[in-house]
Protein backbone atom coordinates (compact mmCIF):
# COMPACT_ATOMS: atom_id res chain seq x y z
CA MET A 1 72.44 11.49 -8.34
CA ARG A 2 70.69 10.57 -5.15
CA ILE A 3 68.86 7.24 -5.47
CA PRO A 4 65.11 7.89 -5.67
CA ARG A 5 62.80 6.52 -2.95
CA ILE A 6 59.36 5.34 -3.95
CA PHE A 7 56.42 4.42 -1.73
CA VAL A 8 54.42 1.39 -2.78
CA ASP A 9 51.30 0.07 -1.09
CA ASN A 10 52.39 -3.59 -1.37
CA VAL A 11 53.84 -6.36 0.67
CA LEU A 12 57.61 -6.24 0.05
CA GLU A 13 60.05 -9.18 0.32
CA GLU A 14 63.64 -9.65 -0.55
CA ASN A 15 64.39 -11.20 -3.95
CA THR A 16 60.96 -10.50 -5.36
CA GLU A 17 59.69 -8.29 -8.20
CA VAL A 18 57.35 -5.32 -7.91
CA SER A 19 55.49 -3.54 -10.67
CA LEU A 20 55.30 0.23 -10.25
CA ASP A 21 52.12 2.10 -11.23
CA ILE A 22 51.75 4.44 -14.19
CA THR A 23 52.47 7.63 -12.14
CA GLN A 24 55.60 6.21 -10.55
CA THR A 25 56.73 4.89 -13.96
CA HIS A 26 56.27 8.25 -15.54
CA TYR A 27 58.27 9.95 -12.82
CA LEU A 28 61.20 7.55 -12.97
CA ARG A 29 61.31 7.12 -16.68
CA ASN A 30 60.33 10.54 -17.98
CA VAL A 31 61.33 12.95 -15.19
CA LEU A 32 64.46 11.28 -13.74
CA LYS A 33 65.32 9.51 -17.02
CA LEU A 34 66.10 6.19 -15.34
CA ASN A 35 66.76 3.05 -17.31
CA CYS A 36 67.00 -0.71 -16.68
CA SER A 37 69.83 -1.55 -14.18
CA ASP A 38 69.41 1.82 -12.37
CA SER A 39 68.93 1.72 -8.62
CA VAL A 40 65.84 2.72 -6.62
CA VAL A 41 64.68 2.29 -3.04
CA LEU A 42 61.18 1.06 -2.20
CA PHE A 43 59.32 1.27 1.12
CA ASN A 44 55.73 0.57 2.12
CA GLY A 45 55.44 2.48 5.33
CA LYS A 46 55.64 -0.59 7.51
CA GLY A 47 59.24 0.16 8.53
CA GLY A 48 62.56 -0.30 6.83
CA GLU A 49 63.27 0.04 3.10
CA TYR A 50 64.47 -2.15 0.29
CA SER A 51 67.25 -1.56 -2.25
CA GLY A 52 66.00 -2.26 -5.72
CA THR A 53 67.04 -2.44 -9.35
CA LEU A 54 64.98 -1.62 -12.39
CA VAL A 55 65.00 -4.90 -14.43
CA ALA A 56 62.27 -4.54 -16.99
CA SER A 57 60.08 -1.92 -18.69
CA THR A 58 56.68 -2.03 -20.36
CA LYS A 59 54.60 0.76 -21.84
CA SER A 60 52.88 1.49 -18.56
CA SER A 61 55.07 -0.02 -15.92
CA LEU A 62 58.60 -0.48 -14.58
CA ILE A 63 59.59 -3.68 -12.80
CA VAL A 64 61.81 -3.47 -9.76
CA ARG A 65 63.81 -6.39 -8.41
CA LEU A 66 64.12 -6.09 -4.63
CA GLY A 67 67.38 -6.63 -2.82
CA LYS A 68 68.03 -6.57 0.88
CA LEU A 69 65.86 -5.03 3.52
CA ASP A 70 67.52 -2.16 5.40
CA PRO A 71 65.65 -2.11 8.73
CA LYS A 72 66.85 1.36 9.66
CA ASP A 73 64.23 3.23 11.68
CA ARG A 74 64.19 7.02 11.24
CA GLU A 75 61.07 7.65 13.31
CA SER A 76 61.12 9.98 16.29
CA PRO A 77 60.75 8.55 19.79
CA LEU A 78 58.24 11.33 20.34
CA ARG A 79 54.71 10.53 19.10
CA THR A 80 52.84 13.60 17.93
CA HIS A 81 49.28 13.99 16.77
CA LEU A 82 48.57 17.29 14.98
CA GLY A 83 44.95 18.54 14.87
CA ILE A 84 44.91 21.40 12.40
CA GLY A 85 42.15 23.75 11.26
CA VAL A 86 41.62 23.49 7.50
CA SER A 87 43.26 26.34 5.66
CA ARG A 88 43.02 27.33 2.02
CA GLY A 89 44.98 25.72 -0.77
CA GLU A 90 48.77 25.63 -0.52
CA ARG A 91 48.81 26.76 3.11
CA MET A 92 47.34 23.45 4.20
CA ASN A 93 49.54 21.47 1.88
CA TYR A 94 52.61 23.27 3.15
CA ALA A 95 51.76 22.66 6.81
CA ILE A 96 51.15 18.98 6.17
CA GLN A 97 54.27 18.55 4.12
CA LYS A 98 56.56 20.18 6.67
CA ALA A 99 54.94 18.54 9.62
CA THR A 100 55.66 15.20 7.95
CA GLU A 101 59.32 16.18 7.48
CA LEU A 102 59.45 17.11 11.20
CA GLY A 103 58.33 13.63 12.21
CA VAL A 104 54.63 14.08 13.00
CA SER A 105 52.91 10.73 13.74
CA ARG A 106 49.39 11.51 12.71
CA ILE A 107 47.44 14.51 11.28
CA THR A 108 43.74 15.16 11.64
CA PRO A 109 42.22 18.05 9.69
CA LEU A 110 39.62 20.00 11.65
CA MET A 111 36.62 22.09 10.83
CA THR A 112 36.59 25.14 13.11
CA ALA A 113 34.43 28.23 13.48
CA ARG A 114 36.80 30.39 11.45
CA CYS A 115 37.62 27.95 8.66
CA GLU A 116 37.18 29.73 5.39
CA VAL A 117 36.93 26.47 3.45
CA LYS A 118 33.55 24.88 2.94
CA LEU A 119 33.60 21.27 1.81
CA SER A 120 30.91 18.83 0.87
CA GLN A 121 31.25 15.23 2.08
CA THR A 122 32.56 14.13 -1.32
CA ARG A 123 35.08 16.96 -1.37
CA ARG A 124 36.21 16.10 2.16
CA ILE A 125 37.09 12.57 1.08
CA THR A 126 38.91 13.96 -2.06
CA LYS A 127 40.91 16.44 0.02
CA VAL A 128 42.00 13.85 2.60
CA GLY A 129 43.27 11.73 -0.30
CA GLN A 130 45.22 14.69 -1.71
CA TRP A 131 46.71 15.47 1.73
CA GLN A 132 47.69 11.85 2.14
CA ARG A 133 49.60 12.02 -1.11
CA VAL A 134 51.37 15.14 0.16
CA VAL A 135 52.39 13.07 3.21
CA ILE A 136 53.70 10.19 0.99
CA ASN A 137 55.74 12.55 -1.16
CA ALA A 138 57.26 14.19 1.94
CA CYS A 139 58.14 10.73 3.33
CA GLN A 140 59.85 9.82 0.04
CA GLN A 141 61.92 13.04 0.17
CA SER A 142 62.67 12.99 3.94
CA ARG A 143 63.63 9.26 3.99
CA ARG A 144 60.99 8.39 6.52
CA THR A 145 60.13 4.70 6.55
CA ARG A 146 56.73 5.02 8.17
CA VAL A 147 53.90 7.08 6.67
CA PRO A 148 51.70 9.20 9.00
CA VAL A 149 47.97 8.79 8.42
CA VAL A 150 45.78 11.81 7.55
CA GLY A 151 42.54 11.19 9.37
CA SER A 152 39.11 12.14 8.18
CA ILE A 153 37.99 15.81 8.54
CA ILE A 154 36.12 16.14 11.87
CA ASP A 155 34.89 18.95 14.08
CA LEU A 156 37.29 20.46 16.60
CA ASP A 157 34.96 19.50 19.55
CA LYS A 158 35.07 15.85 18.60
CA TRP A 159 38.80 15.77 18.22
CA CYS A 160 39.37 17.42 21.56
CA GLN A 161 37.09 14.94 23.29
CA GLU A 162 38.76 11.95 21.66
CA SER A 163 42.37 13.03 22.19
CA CYS A 164 44.03 10.77 24.70
CA SER A 165 47.61 12.07 24.55
CA PRO A 166 49.08 12.70 28.07
CA ALA A 167 50.42 16.07 26.93
CA LYS A 168 48.00 18.31 25.00
CA PHE A 169 48.56 21.85 23.70
CA ILE A 170 46.42 24.44 21.97
CA LEU A 171 48.44 27.05 20.17
CA ASP A 172 47.12 30.33 21.47
CA VAL A 173 48.59 33.84 21.11
CA GLU A 174 47.01 34.75 24.44
CA GLY A 175 48.11 31.54 26.18
CA ASN A 176 50.00 31.55 29.48
CA GLU A 177 52.11 28.46 28.90
CA LEU A 178 55.56 28.87 27.42
CA ALA A 179 58.00 26.31 26.04
CA ASP A 180 60.00 26.22 29.28
CA SER A 181 56.88 25.10 31.20
CA ILE A 182 56.45 21.93 29.14
CA PRO A 183 56.87 18.81 31.35
CA ALA A 184 60.40 17.48 31.66
CA LYS A 185 59.58 14.23 29.79
CA VAL A 186 57.03 14.03 26.96
CA GLU A 187 56.59 10.89 24.89
CA ASP A 188 53.20 11.51 23.34
CA ALA A 189 51.82 14.95 22.54
CA ALA A 190 48.80 16.40 20.83
CA ILE A 191 49.00 19.79 19.16
CA LEU A 192 45.88 21.79 18.28
CA ALA A 193 46.52 24.54 15.66
CA GLY A 194 44.02 26.87 14.19
CA PRO A 195 43.18 27.98 10.63
CA GLU A 196 43.63 31.52 9.35
CA GLY A 197 42.12 33.81 12.00
CA GLY A 198 42.76 31.43 14.83
CA PHE A 199 40.21 30.08 17.33
CA GLU A 200 37.11 31.58 18.84
CA GLN A 201 36.96 31.85 22.60
CA GLY A 202 34.44 29.05 22.85
CA GLU A 203 36.84 26.66 21.02
CA ILE A 204 39.64 27.57 23.36
CA SER A 205 37.38 26.83 26.31
CA THR A 206 36.42 23.46 24.78
CA ALA A 207 40.06 22.57 24.41
CA VAL A 208 40.95 23.65 27.94
CA HIS A 209 38.08 21.62 29.38
CA SER A 210 39.47 18.64 27.45
CA GLY A 211 42.86 19.02 29.12
CA PHE A 212 44.70 21.17 26.58
CA GLN A 213 47.23 23.77 27.81
CA ARG A 214 47.24 27.18 26.20
CA TRP A 215 50.72 27.33 24.67
CA ARG A 216 52.02 30.72 23.52
CA LEU A 217 54.90 30.34 21.08
CA GLY A 218 56.26 33.88 21.53
CA PRO A 219 55.45 37.55 21.22
CA ARG A 220 54.75 37.53 17.48
CA VAL A 221 51.61 36.18 15.76
CA LEU A 222 52.52 33.28 13.47
CA ARG A 223 50.68 32.30 10.36
CA ALA A 224 48.39 29.27 10.39
CA GLU A 225 50.92 27.19 8.45
CA THR A 226 53.91 28.35 10.55
CA ALA A 227 52.68 27.92 14.13
CA PRO A 228 52.33 24.12 14.14
CA LEU A 229 55.75 23.70 12.57
CA VAL A 230 57.33 25.83 15.24
CA ALA A 231 55.52 23.81 18.00
CA LEU A 232 56.62 20.51 16.44
CA SER A 233 60.22 21.74 16.09
CA ILE A 234 60.33 22.79 19.82
CA LEU A 235 58.86 19.42 21.01
CA GLN A 236 61.17 17.43 18.68
CA SER A 237 64.18 19.40 19.94
CA ALA A 238 63.23 18.94 23.55
CA HIS A 239 61.86 15.40 23.56
CA GLY A 240 62.36 13.89 20.12
CA ASP A 241 65.27 13.38 17.71
CA ILE A 242 66.25 16.88 16.58
CA PRO A 243 69.52 17.87 18.30
């Protein structure tokens, strides 16, 4: 069985012990059926990962003894910031999960004119926390050693104005830029992807005025959760670490 990887929000050091929380303990003990002396891998998103061994068990916690640090870096040389219109339910979760697997550096959920999700301030905070957990789970599965941050939900206008990436693209089915027109060398890119229903013309104009190129991904209309993943895949293949 593949050795499970667990994210812990702690300082990690070789030859120390770490207590796992009740959720992690339940997963390892009751789902994976691990016992003392079984192996795990821990990482804290700061880079690298530690081999570990389960050495003790209490009612609510498992204790892991850390071994050596493996400094392996699996992060892409391409930095990508995804601004994505908030979609309903699992569509948003799916896009965030797969974007993390594809190496996205940061994700900012956006409120746009055609967003069908209405969230109070309290719900916004709750949703961001949920999406951050989706990212952590995807990092555990994909063996990433750094965890992308899901930013607070903000308006599209604000995100466009604040974006400082040298290469910026808005995904637009009516756009005139194609993949082969992307600059020869891109190290930092921002991708603006819409919710269900796409963008209104005024939002496209706002993005263009902020330096975004209108990138058309092909002749077919892609779903809200598909388009950013295609864009990330193209950029990672051309400028990142996907062969």
